[in-house]
Amino acid sequence: MESEKTTEKYLRDEVRKIGGRAYKFVSPGNTGAPDRLVCLPGGKAVFVELKSEGKHSTPMQGRQQNILRALGFTVYADVDTKAKVNALIGELKNEIQTA
């Protein structure tokens, strides 16, 4: 079973490999904000909520994710395994190439 910390480190490392940065995102006063703000070449930014394997976002996290989506941001929720990080990285690579 993969821990959130392990998956988060893997995400950070994989984002760097494609030329981006995965900043730890902390927003005081905004409980439930996503864990990482991923900034990509070409000015693209997405948010990622990481979890331990098999865990899911809380209702408050879901509300925050929906607010960000309503603002036009992409939010990846419940990224809980390296396989999901790999799928996310594949999507981000496509975004970079089409930007």
PDB file of N, CA and C in Angstrom:
ATOM      1  N   MET A   1       0.849  -1.190   0.000  1.00  0.00           N
ATOM      2  CA  MET A   1       0.000   0.000   0.000  1.00  0.00           C
ATOM      3  C   MET A   1       0.891   1.249   0.000  1.00  0.00           C
ATOM      4  N   GLU A   2       0.604   2.153  -0.912  1.00  0.00           N
ATOM      5  CA  GLU A   2       1.416   3.366  -1.035  1.00  0.00           C
ATOM      6  C   GLU A   2       0.896   4.454  -0.099  1.00  0.00           C
ATOM      7  N   SER A   3       1.824   5.126   0.581  1.00  0.00           N
ATOM      8  CA  SER A   3       1.440   6.224   1.461  1.00  0.00           C
ATOM      9  C   SER A   3       1.286   7.501   0.636  1.00  0.00           C
ATOM     10  N   GLU A   4       0.582   8.461   1.189  1.00  0.00           N
ATOM     11  CA  GLU A   4       0.427   9.755   0.519  1.00  0.00           C
ATOM     12  C   GLU A   4       1.788  10.415   0.320  1.00  0.00           C
ATOM     13  N   LYS A   5       2.647  10.311   1.320  1.00  0.00           N
ATOM     14  CA  LYS A   5       3.975  10.922   1.239  1.00  0.00           C
ATOM     15  C   LYS A   5       4.781  10.336   0.079  1.00  0.00           C
ATOM     16  N   THR A   6       4.736   9.025  -0.091  1.00  0.00           N
ATOM     17  CA  THR A   6       5.452   8.353  -1.179  1.00  0.00           C
ATOM     18  C   THR A   6       4.922   8.797  -2.538  1.00  0.00           C
ATOM     19  N   THR A   7       3.599   8.842  -2.661  1.00  0.00           N
ATOM     20  CA  THR A   7       2.976   9.249  -3.927  1.00  0.00           C
ATOM     21  C   THR A   7       3.271  10.713  -4.221  1.00  0.00           C
ATOM     22  N   GLU A   8       3.262  11.545  -3.196  1.00  0.00           N
ATOM     23  CA  GLU A   8       3.538  12.971  -3.366  1.00  0.00           C
ATOM     24  C   GLU A   8       4.967  13.206  -3.857  1.00  0.00           C
ATOM     25  N   LYS A   9       5.920  12.503  -3.278  1.00  0.00           N
ATOM     26  CA  LYS A   9       7.316  12.624  -3.712  1.00  0.00           C
ATOM     27  C   LYS A   9       7.462  12.147  -5.161  1.00  0.00           C
ATOM     28  N   TYR A  10       6.809  11.065  -5.492  1.00  0.00           N
ATOM     29  CA  TYR A  10       6.870  10.533  -6.852  1.00  0.00           C
ATOM     30  C   TYR A  10       6.287  11.548  -7.843  1.00  0.00           C
ATOM     31  N   LEU A  11       5.150  12.162  -7.494  1.00  0.00           N
ATOM     32  CA  LEU A  11       4.550  13.189  -8.348  1.00  0.00           C
ATOM     33  C   LEU A  11       5.540  14.328  -8.562  1.00  0.00           C
ATOM     34  N   ARG A  12       6.113  14.821  -7.486  1.00  0.00           N
ATOM     35  CA  ARG A  12       7.055  15.939  -7.578  1.00  0.00           C
ATOM     36  C   ARG A  12       8.208  15.616  -8.524  1.00  0.00           C
ATOM     37  N   ASP A  13       8.763  14.425  -8.365  1.00  0.00           N
ATOM     38  CA  ASP A  13       9.895  14.017  -9.199  1.00  0.00           C
ATOM     39  C   ASP A  13       9.498  13.858 -10.666  1.00  0.00           C
ATOM     40  N   GLU A  14       8.338  13.280 -10.925  1.00  0.00           N
ATOM     41  CA  GLU A  14       7.886  13.057 -12.297  1.00  0.00           C
ATOM     42  C   GLU A  14       7.527  14.370 -12.998  1.00  0.00           C
ATOM     43  N   VAL A  15       6.962  15.314 -12.264  1.00  0.00           N
ATOM     44  CA  VAL A  15       6.642  16.627 -12.839  1.00  0.00           C
ATOM     45  C   VAL A  15       7.936  17.339 -13.237  1.00  0.00           C
ATOM     46  N   ARG A  16       8.956  17.228 -12.425  1.00  0.00           N
ATOM     47  CA  ARG A  16      10.253  17.841 -12.769  1.00  0.00           C
ATOM     48  C   ARG A  16      10.816  17.261 -14.057  1.00  0.00           C
ATOM     49  N   LYS A  17      10.638  15.970 -14.268  1.00  0.00           N
ATOM     50  CA  LYS A  17      11.148  15.313 -15.473  1.00  0.00           C
ATOM     51  C   LYS A  17      10.524  15.878 -16.750  1.00  0.00           C
ATOM     52  N   ILE A  18       9.312  16.421 -16.649  1.00  0.00           N
ATOM     53  CA  ILE A  18       8.675  17.002 -17.843  1.00  0.00           C
ATOM     54  C   ILE A  18       8.813  18.525 -17.866  1.00  0.00           C
ATOM     55  N   GLY A  19       9.683  19.048 -17.009  1.00  0.00           N
ATOM     56  CA  GLY A  19      10.008  20.467 -17.042  1.00  0.00           C
ATOM     57  C   GLY A  19       9.154  21.357 -16.170  1.00  0.00           C
ATOM     58  N   GLY A  20       8.339  20.769 -15.290  1.00  0.00           N
ATOM     59  CA  GLY A  20       7.464  21.557 -14.426  1.00  0.00           C
ATOM     60  C   GLY A  20       7.900  21.544 -12.976  1.00  0.00           C
ATOM     61  N   ARG A  21       7.076  22.132 -12.155  1.00  0.00           N
ATOM     62  CA  ARG A  21       7.289  22.158 -10.711  1.00  0.00           C
ATOM     63  C   ARG A  21       5.966  21.809 -10.032  1.00  0.00           C
ATOM     64  N   ALA A  22       6.063  21.039  -8.941  1.00  0.00           N
ATOM     65  CA  ALA A  22       4.880  20.671  -8.159  1.00  0.00           C
ATOM     66  C   ALA A  22       5.040  21.268  -6.763  1.00  0.00           C
ATOM     67  N   TYR A  23       4.533  22.464  -6.596  1.00  0.00           N
ATOM     68  CA  TYR A  23       4.682  23.176  -5.332  1.00  0.00           C
ATOM     69  C   TYR A  23       3.695  22.670  -4.295  1.00  0.00           C
ATOM     70  N   LYS A  24       4.174  22.517  -3.073  1.00  0.00           N
ATOM     71  CA  LYS A  24       3.286  22.196  -1.959  1.00  0.00           C
ATOM     72  C   LYS A  24       2.380  23.397  -1.785  1.00  0.00           C
ATOM     73  N   PHE A  25       1.081  23.174  -1.822  1.00  0.00           N
ATOM     74  CA  PHE A  25       0.122  24.265  -1.794  1.00  0.00           C
ATOM     75  C   PHE A  25      -0.546  24.310  -0.427  1.00  0.00           C
ATOM     76  N   VAL A  26      -0.337  25.416   0.276  1.00  0.00           N
ATOM     77  CA  VAL A  26      -0.972  25.633   1.566  1.00  0.00           C
ATOM     78  C   VAL A  26      -1.697  26.965   1.477  1.00  0.00           C
ATOM     79  N   SER A  27      -2.972  26.958   1.817  1.00  0.00           N
ATOM     80  CA  SER A  27      -3.768  28.175   1.722  1.00  0.00           C
ATOM     81  C   SER A  27      -4.461  28.430   3.062  1.00  0.00           C
ATOM     82  N   PRO A  28      -3.812  29.192   3.945  1.00  0.00           N
ATOM     83  CA  PRO A  28      -4.408  29.459   5.260  1.00  0.00           C
ATOM     84  C   PRO A  28      -5.828  30.016   5.133  1.00  0.00           C
ATOM     85  N   GLY A  29      -6.711  29.485   5.942  1.00  0.00           N
ATOM     86  CA  GLY A  29      -8.101  29.936   5.925  1.00  0.00           C
ATOM     87  C   GLY A  29      -8.948  29.238   4.881  1.00  0.00           C
ATOM     88  N   ASN A  30      -8.357  28.342   4.110  1.00  0.00           N
ATOM     89  CA  ASN A  30      -9.089  27.608   3.075  1.00  0.00           C
ATOM     90  C   ASN A  30      -8.926  26.107   3.290  1.00  0.00           C
ATOM     91  N   THR A  31      -9.574  25.612   4.305  1.00  0.00           N
ATOM     92  CA  THR A  31      -9.508  24.194   4.629  1.00  0.00           C
ATOM     93  C   THR A  31      -9.915  23.370   3.413  1.00  0.00           C
ATOM     94  N   GLY A  32      -9.141  22.328   3.142  1.00  0.00           N
ATOM     95  CA  GLY A  32      -9.481  21.427   2.045  1.00  0.00           C
ATOM     96  C   GLY A  32      -8.840  21.776   0.723  1.00  0.00           C
ATOM     97  N   ALA A  33      -7.957  22.778   0.708  1.00  0.00           N
ATOM     98  CA  ALA A  33      -7.276  23.137  -0.542  1.00  0.00           C
ATOM     99  C   ALA A  33      -6.419  21.956  -1.001  1.00  0.00           C
ATOM    100  N   PRO A  34      -6.273  21.768  -2.319  1.00  0.00           N
ATOM    101  CA  PRO A  34      -5.467  20.655  -2.831  1.00  0.00           C
ATOM    102  C   PRO A  34      -4.017  20.701  -2.334  1.00  0.00           C
ATOM    103  N   ASP A  35      -3.368  19.534  -2.368  1.00  0.00           N
ATOM    104  CA  ASP A  35      -2.018  19.402  -1.832  1.00  0.00           C
ATOM    105  C   ASP A  35      -0.942  20.077  -2.678  1.00  0.00           C
ATOM    106  N   ARG A  36      -1.062  19.978  -3.995  1.00  0.00           N
ATOM    107  CA  ARG A  36       0.000  20.461  -4.880  1.00  0.00           C
ATOM    108  C   ARG A  36      -0.559  21.362  -5.980  1.00  0.00           C
ATOM    109  N   LEU A  37       0.195  22.409  -6.260  1.00  0.00           N
ATOM    110  CA  LEU A  37      -0.044  23.284  -7.403  1.00  0.00           C
ATOM    111  C   LEU A  37       1.043  22.936  -8.409  1.00  0.00           C
ATOM    112  N   VAL A  38       0.652  22.348  -9.530  1.00  0.00           N
ATOM    113  CA  VAL A  38       1.604  21.909 -10.546  1.00  0.00           C
ATOM    114  C   VAL A  38       1.664  22.968 -11.639  1.00  0.00           C
ATOM    115  N   CYS A  39       2.853  23.542 -11.816  1.00  0.00           N
ATOM    116  CA  CYS A  39       3.087  24.568 -12.831  1.00  0.00           C
ATOM    117  C   CYS A  39       3.907  23.951 -13.953  1.00  0.00           C
ATOM    118  N   LEU A  40       3.419  24.123 -15.184  1.00  0.00           N
ATOM    119  CA  LEU A  40       4.020  23.486 -16.346  1.00  0.00           C
ATOM    120  C   LEU A  40       4.541  24.512 -17.337  1.00  0.00           C
ATOM    121  N   PRO A  41       5.458  24.083 -18.202  1.00  0.00           N
ATOM    122  CA  PRO A  41       5.918  24.986 -19.262  1.00  0.00           C
ATOM    123  C   PRO A  41       4.727  25.499 -20.075  1.00  0.00           C
ATOM    124  N   GLY A  42       4.822  26.726 -20.510  1.00  0.00           N
ATOM    125  CA  GLY A  42       3.741  27.324 -21.290  1.00  0.00           C
ATOM    126  C   GLY A  42       2.683  28.000 -20.437  1.00  0.00           C
ATOM    127  N   GLY A  43       2.913  28.084 -19.132  1.00  0.00           N
ATOM    128  CA  GLY A  43       1.982  28.805 -18.266  1.00  0.00           C
ATOM    129  C   GLY A  43       0.768  28.011 -17.825  1.00  0.00           C
ATOM    130  N   LYS A  44       0.783  26.714 -17.941  1.00  0.00           N
ATOM    131  CA  LYS A  44      -0.338  25.863 -17.528  1.00  0.00           C
ATOM    132  C   LYS A  44      -0.195  25.525 -16.051  1.00  0.00           C
ATOM    133  N   ALA A  45      -1.292  25.587 -15.301  1.00  0.00           N
ATOM    134  CA  ALA A  45      -1.280  25.226 -13.889  1.00  0.00           C
ATOM    135  C   ALA A  45      -2.466  24.319 -13.586  1.00  0.00           C
ATOM    136  N   VAL A  46      -2.208  23.267 -12.813  1.00  0.00           N
ATOM    137  CA  VAL A  46      -3.265  22.354 -12.375  1.00  0.00           C
ATOM    138  C   VAL A  46      -3.062  22.085 -10.886  1.00  0.00           C
ATOM    139  N   PHE A  47      -4.124  21.637 -10.246  1.00  0.00           N
ATOM    140  CA  PHE A  47      -4.072  21.294  -8.825  1.00  0.00           C
ATOM    141  C   PHE A  47      -4.198  19.780  -8.671  1.00  0.00           C
ATOM    142  N   VAL A  48      -3.529  19.244  -7.656  1.00  0.00           N
ATOM    143  CA  VAL A  48      -3.559  17.807  -7.412  1.00  0.00           C
ATOM    144  C   VAL A  48      -3.824  17.536  -5.932  1.00  0.00           C
ATOM    145  N   GLU A  49      -4.818  16.706  -5.673  1.00  0.00           N
ATOM    146  CA  GLU A  49      -5.101  16.220  -4.312  1.00  0.00           C
ATOM    147  C   GLU A  49      -4.594  14.792  -4.225  1.00  0.00           C
ATOM    148  N   LEU A  50      -3.591  14.595  -3.384  1.00  0.00           N
ATOM    149  CA  LEU A  50      -2.991  13.279  -3.206  1.00  0.00           C
ATOM    150  C   LEU A  50      -3.590  12.586  -1.995  1.00  0.00           C
ATOM    151  N   LYS A  51      -3.599  11.266  -2.047  1.00  0.00           N
ATOM    152  CA  LYS A  51      -4.149  10.463  -0.962  1.00  0.00           C
ATOM    153  C   LYS A  51      -3.296   9.227  -0.762  1.00  0.00           C
ATOM    154  N   SER A  52      -3.417   8.616   0.409  1.00  0.00           N
ATOM    155  CA  SER A  52      -2.879   7.278   0.608  1.00  0.00           C
ATOM    156  C   SER A  52      -3.732   6.334  -0.222  1.00  0.00           C
ATOM    157  N   GLU A  53      -3.142   5.248  -0.643  1.00  0.00           N
ATOM    158  CA  GLU A  53      -3.842   4.315  -1.525  1.00  0.00           C
ATOM    159  C   GLU A  53      -5.195   3.905  -0.940  1.00  0.00           C
ATOM    160  N   GLY A  54      -6.226   4.043  -1.758  1.00  0.00           N
ATOM    161  CA  GLY A  54      -7.574   3.650  -1.359  1.00  0.00           C
ATOM    162  C   GLY A  54      -8.365   4.716  -0.628  1.00  0.00           C
ATOM    163  N   LYS A  55      -7.751   5.833  -0.309  1.00  0.00           N
ATOM    164  CA  LYS A  55      -8.445   6.912   0.404  1.00  0.00           C
ATOM    165  C   LYS A  55      -9.071   7.881  -0.592  1.00  0.00           C
ATOM    166  N   HIS A  56     -10.053   8.665  -0.112  1.00  0.00           N
ATOM    167  CA  HIS A  56     -10.780   9.588  -0.981  1.00  0.00           C
ATOM    168  C   HIS A  56     -10.853  10.974  -0.346  1.00  0.00           C
ATOM    169  N   SER A  57     -11.121  11.970  -1.179  1.00  0.00           N
ATOM    170  CA  SER A  57     -11.261  13.350  -0.707  1.00  0.00           C
ATOM    171  C   SER A  57     -12.418  13.468   0.283  1.00  0.00           C
ATOM    172  N   THR A  58     -12.234  14.363   1.242  1.00  0.00           N
ATOM    173  CA  THR A  58     -13.308  14.661   2.195  1.00  0.00           C
ATOM    174  C   THR A  58     -14.337  15.553   1.497  1.00  0.00           C
ATOM    175  N   PRO A  59     -15.534  15.678   2.061  1.00  0.00           N
ATOM    176  CA  PRO A  59     -16.525  16.591   1.475  1.00  0.00           C
ATOM    177  C   PRO A  59     -15.991  18.025   1.323  1.00  0.00           C
ATOM    178  N   MET A  60     -15.235  18.517   2.305  1.00  0.00           N
ATOM    179  CA  MET A  60     -14.670  19.872   2.214  1.00  0.00           C
ATOM    180  C   MET A  60     -13.665  19.961   1.069  1.00  0.00           C
ATOM    181  N   GLN A  61     -12.833  18.942   0.915  1.00  0.00           N
ATOM    182  CA  GLN A  61     -11.887  18.930  -0.200  1.00  0.00           C
ATOM    183  C   GLN A  61     -12.638  18.909  -1.530  1.00  0.00           C
ATOM    184  N   GLY A  62     -13.708  18.152  -1.605  1.00  0.00           N
ATOM    185  CA  GLY A  62     -14.522  18.115  -2.819  1.00  0.00           C
ATOM    186  C   GLY A  62     -15.097  19.483  -3.154  1.00  0.00           C
ATOM    187  N   ARG A  63     -15.543  20.207  -2.144  1.00  0.00           N
ATOM    188  CA  ARG A  63     -16.070  21.562  -2.378  1.00  0.00           C
ATOM    189  C   ARG A  63     -14.976  22.481  -2.909  1.00  0.00           C
ATOM    190  N   GLN A  64     -13.795  22.420  -2.319  1.00  0.00           N
ATOM    191  CA  GLN A  64     -12.682  23.252  -2.788  1.00  0.00           C
ATOM    192  C   GLN A  64     -12.299  22.889  -4.226  1.00  0.00           C
ATOM    193  N   GLN A  65     -12.287  21.614  -4.532  1.00  0.00           N
ATOM    194  CA  GLN A  65     -11.980  21.168  -5.892  1.00  0.00           C
ATOM    195  C   GLN A  65     -13.007  21.720  -6.883  1.00  0.00           C
ATOM    196  N   ASN A  66     -14.276  21.693  -6.500  1.00  0.00           N
ATOM    197  CA  ASN A  66     -15.322  22.207  -7.385  1.00  0.00           C
ATOM    198  C   ASN A  66     -15.217  23.715  -7.593  1.00  0.00           C
ATOM    199  N   ILE A  67     -14.815  24.447  -6.558  1.00  0.00           N
ATOM    200  CA  ILE A  67     -14.611  25.893  -6.694  1.00  0.00           C
ATOM    201  C   ILE A  67     -13.514  26.162  -7.716  1.00  0.00           C
ATOM    202  N   LEU A  68     -12.406  25.437  -7.600  1.00  0.00           N
ATOM    203  CA  LEU A  68     -11.295  25.630  -8.545  1.00  0.00           C
ATOM    204  C   LEU A  68     -11.706  25.249  -9.965  1.00  0.00           C
ATOM    205  N   ARG A  69     -12.453  24.163 -10.106  1.00  0.00           N
ATOM    206  CA  ARG A  69     -12.937  23.761 -11.438  1.00  0.00           C
ATOM    207  C   ARG A  69     -13.857  24.831 -12.031  1.00  0.00           C
ATOM    208  N   ALA A  70     -14.707  25.410 -11.188  1.00  0.00           N
ATOM    209  CA  ALA A  70     -15.615  26.460 -11.661  1.00  0.00           C
ATOM    210  C   ALA A  70     -14.840  27.691 -12.131  1.00  0.00           C
ATOM    211  N   LEU A  71     -13.646  27.889 -11.610  1.00  0.00           N
ATOM    212  CA  LEU A  71     -12.790  28.996 -12.038  1.00  0.00           C
ATOM    213  C   LEU A  71     -12.012  28.655 -13.306  1.00  0.00           C
ATOM    214  N   GLY A  72     -12.158  27.414 -13.776  1.00  0.00           N
ATOM    215  CA  GLY A  72     -11.510  27.015 -15.016  1.00  0.00           C
ATOM    216  C   GLY A  72     -10.239  26.209 -14.859  1.00  0.00           C
ATOM    217  N   PHE A  73      -9.876  25.863 -13.623  1.00  0.00           N
ATOM    218  CA  PHE A  73      -8.673  25.074 -13.390  1.00  0.00           C
ATOM    219  C   PHE A  73      -8.962  23.583 -13.491  1.00  0.00           C
ATOM    220  N   THR A  74      -7.957  22.830 -13.898  1.00  0.00           N
ATOM    221  CA  THR A  74      -8.034  21.379 -13.859  1.00  0.00           C
ATOM    222  C   THR A  74      -7.610  20.928 -12.474  1.00  0.00           C
ATOM    223  N   VAL A  75      -8.393  20.027 -11.881  1.00  0.00           N
ATOM    224  CA  VAL A  75      -8.075  19.480 -10.566  1.00  0.00           C
ATOM    225  C   VAL A  75      -8.085  17.958 -10.680  1.00  0.00           C
ATOM    226  N   TYR A  76      -6.973  17.350 -10.317  1.00  0.00           N
ATOM    227  CA  TYR A  76      -6.872  15.896 -10.254  1.00  0.00           C
ATOM    228  C   TYR A  76      -7.078  15.496  -8.802  1.00  0.00           C
ATOM    229  N   ALA A  77      -8.118  14.725  -8.540  1.00  0.00           N
ATOM    230  CA  ALA A  77      -8.457  14.343  -7.175  1.00  0.00           C
ATOM    231  C   ALA A  77      -8.141  12.875  -6.918  1.00  0.00           C
ATOM    232  N   ASP A  78      -7.842  12.574  -5.674  1.00  0.00           N
ATOM    233  CA  ASP A  78      -7.650  11.201  -5.214  1.00  0.00           C
ATOM    234  C   ASP A  78      -6.553  10.464  -5.975  1.00  0.00           C
ATOM    235  N   VAL A  79      -5.461  11.146  -6.219  1.00  0.00           N
ATOM    236  CA  VAL A  79      -4.293  10.519  -6.835  1.00  0.00           C
ATOM    237  C   VAL A  79      -3.591   9.754  -5.715  1.00  0.00           C
ATOM    238  N   ASP A  80      -3.745   8.418  -5.738  1.00  0.00           N
ATOM    239  CA  ASP A  80      -3.321   7.619  -4.587  1.00  0.00           C
ATOM    240  C   ASP A  80      -2.302   6.519  -4.902  1.00  0.00           C
ATOM    241  N   THR A  81      -1.848   6.439  -6.158  1.00  0.00           N
ATOM    242  CA  THR A  81      -0.848   5.424  -6.517  1.00  0.00           C
ATOM    243  C   THR A  81       0.110   5.999  -7.558  1.00  0.00           C
ATOM    244  N   LYS A  82       1.251   5.346  -7.702  1.00  0.00           N
ATOM    245  CA  LYS A  82       2.198   5.744  -8.738  1.00  0.00           C
ATOM    246  C   LYS A  82       1.583   5.559 -10.123  1.00  0.00           C
ATOM    247  N   ALA A  83       0.744   4.557 -10.281  1.00  0.00           N
ATOM    248  CA  ALA A  83       0.078   4.335 -11.568  1.00  0.00           C
ATOM    249  C   ALA A  83      -0.810   5.528 -11.928  1.00  0.00           C
ATOM    250  N   LYS A  84      -1.511   6.091 -10.954  1.00  0.00           N
ATOM    251  CA  LYS A  84      -2.345   7.269 -11.221  1.00  0.00           C
ATOM    252  C   LYS A  84      -1.478   8.489 -11.517  1.00  0.00           C
ATOM    253  N   VAL A  85      -0.336   8.596 -10.842  1.00  0.00           N
ATOM    254  CA  VAL A  85       0.600   9.680 -11.154  1.00  0.00           C
ATOM    255  C   VAL A  85       1.074   9.528 -12.591  1.00  0.00           C
ATOM    256  N   ASN A  86       1.414   8.319 -13.006  1.00  0.00           N
ATOM    257  CA  ASN A  86       1.871   8.085 -14.379  1.00  0.00           C
ATOM    258  C   ASN A  86       0.805   8.487 -15.396  1.00  0.00           C
ATOM    259  N   ALA A  87      -0.450   8.161 -15.125  1.00  0.00           N
ATOM    260  CA  ALA A  87      -1.541   8.546 -16.021  1.00  0.00           C
ATOM    261  C   ALA A  87      -1.675  10.068 -16.073  1.00  0.00           C
ATOM    262  N   LEU A  88      -1.587  10.705 -14.918  1.00  0.00           N
ATOM    263  CA  LEU A  88      -1.657  12.166 -14.839  1.00  0.00           C
ATOM    264  C   LEU A  88      -0.508  12.789 -15.636  1.00  0.00           C
ATOM    265  N   ILE A  89       0.701  12.258 -15.482  1.00  0.00           N
ATOM    266  CA  ILE A  89       1.870  12.788 -16.200  1.00  0.00           C
ATOM    267  C   ILE A  89       1.660  12.646 -17.706  1.00  0.00           C
ATOM    268  N   GLY A  90       1.082  11.531 -18.146  1.00  0.00           N
ATOM    269  CA  GLY A  90       0.785  11.348 -19.565  1.00  0.00           C
ATOM    270  C   GLY A  90      -0.140  12.433 -20.082  1.00  0.00           C
ATOM    271  N   GLU A  91      -1.179  12.760 -19.312  1.00  0.00           N
ATOM    272  CA  GLU A  91      -2.099  13.833 -19.697  1.00  0.00           C
ATOM    273  C   GLU A  91      -1.384  15.187 -19.727  1.00  0.00           C
ATOM    274  N   LEU A  92      -0.541  15.434 -18.733  1.00  0.00           N
ATOM    275  CA  LEU A  92       0.171  16.713 -18.674  1.00  0.00           C
ATOM    276  C   LEU A  92       1.149  16.866 -19.827  1.00  0.00           C
ATOM    277  N   LYS A  93       1.815  15.784 -20.215  1.00  0.00           N
ATOM    278  CA  LYS A  93       2.711  15.826 -21.366  1.00  0.00           C
ATOM    279  C   LYS A  93       1.955  16.255 -22.623  1.00  0.00           C
ATOM    280  N   ASN A  94       0.752  15.724 -22.796  1.00  0.00           N
ATOM    281  CA  ASN A  94      -0.079  16.092 -23.943  1.00  0.00           C
ATOM    282  C   ASN A  94      -0.458  17.570 -23.895  1.00  0.00           C
ATOM    283  N   GLU A  95      -0.753  18.062 -22.691  1.00  0.00           N
ATOM    284  CA  GLU A  95      -1.103  19.485 -22.526  1.00  0.00           C
ATOM    285  C   GLU A  95       0.072  20.375 -22.928  1.00  0.00           C
ATOM    286  N   ILE A  96       1.279  19.975 -22.513  1.00  0.00           N
ATOM    287  CA  ILE A  96       2.473  20.757 -22.842  1.00  0.00           C
ATOM    288  C   ILE A  96       2.692  20.791 -24.337  1.00  0.00           C
ATOM    289  N   GLN A  97       2.517  19.659 -24.991  1.00  0.00           N
ATOM    290  CA  GLN A  97       2.761  19.553 -26.427  1.00  0.00           C
ATOM    291  C   GLN A  97       1.756  20.343 -27.241  1.00  0.00           C
ATOM    292  N   THR A  98       0.529  20.491 -26.744  1.00  0.00           N
ATOM    293  CA  THR A  98      -0.486  21.215 -27.496  1.00  0.00           C
ATOM    294  C   THR A  98      -0.558  22.694 -27.128  1.00  0.00           C
ATOM    295  N   ALA A  99       0.229  23.087 -26.133  1.00  0.00           N
ATOM    296  CA  ALA A  99       0.210  24.498 -25.705  1.00  0.00           C
ATOM    297  C   ALA A  99       0.984  25.385 -26.665  1.00  0.00           C
TER     298      ALA A  99
END
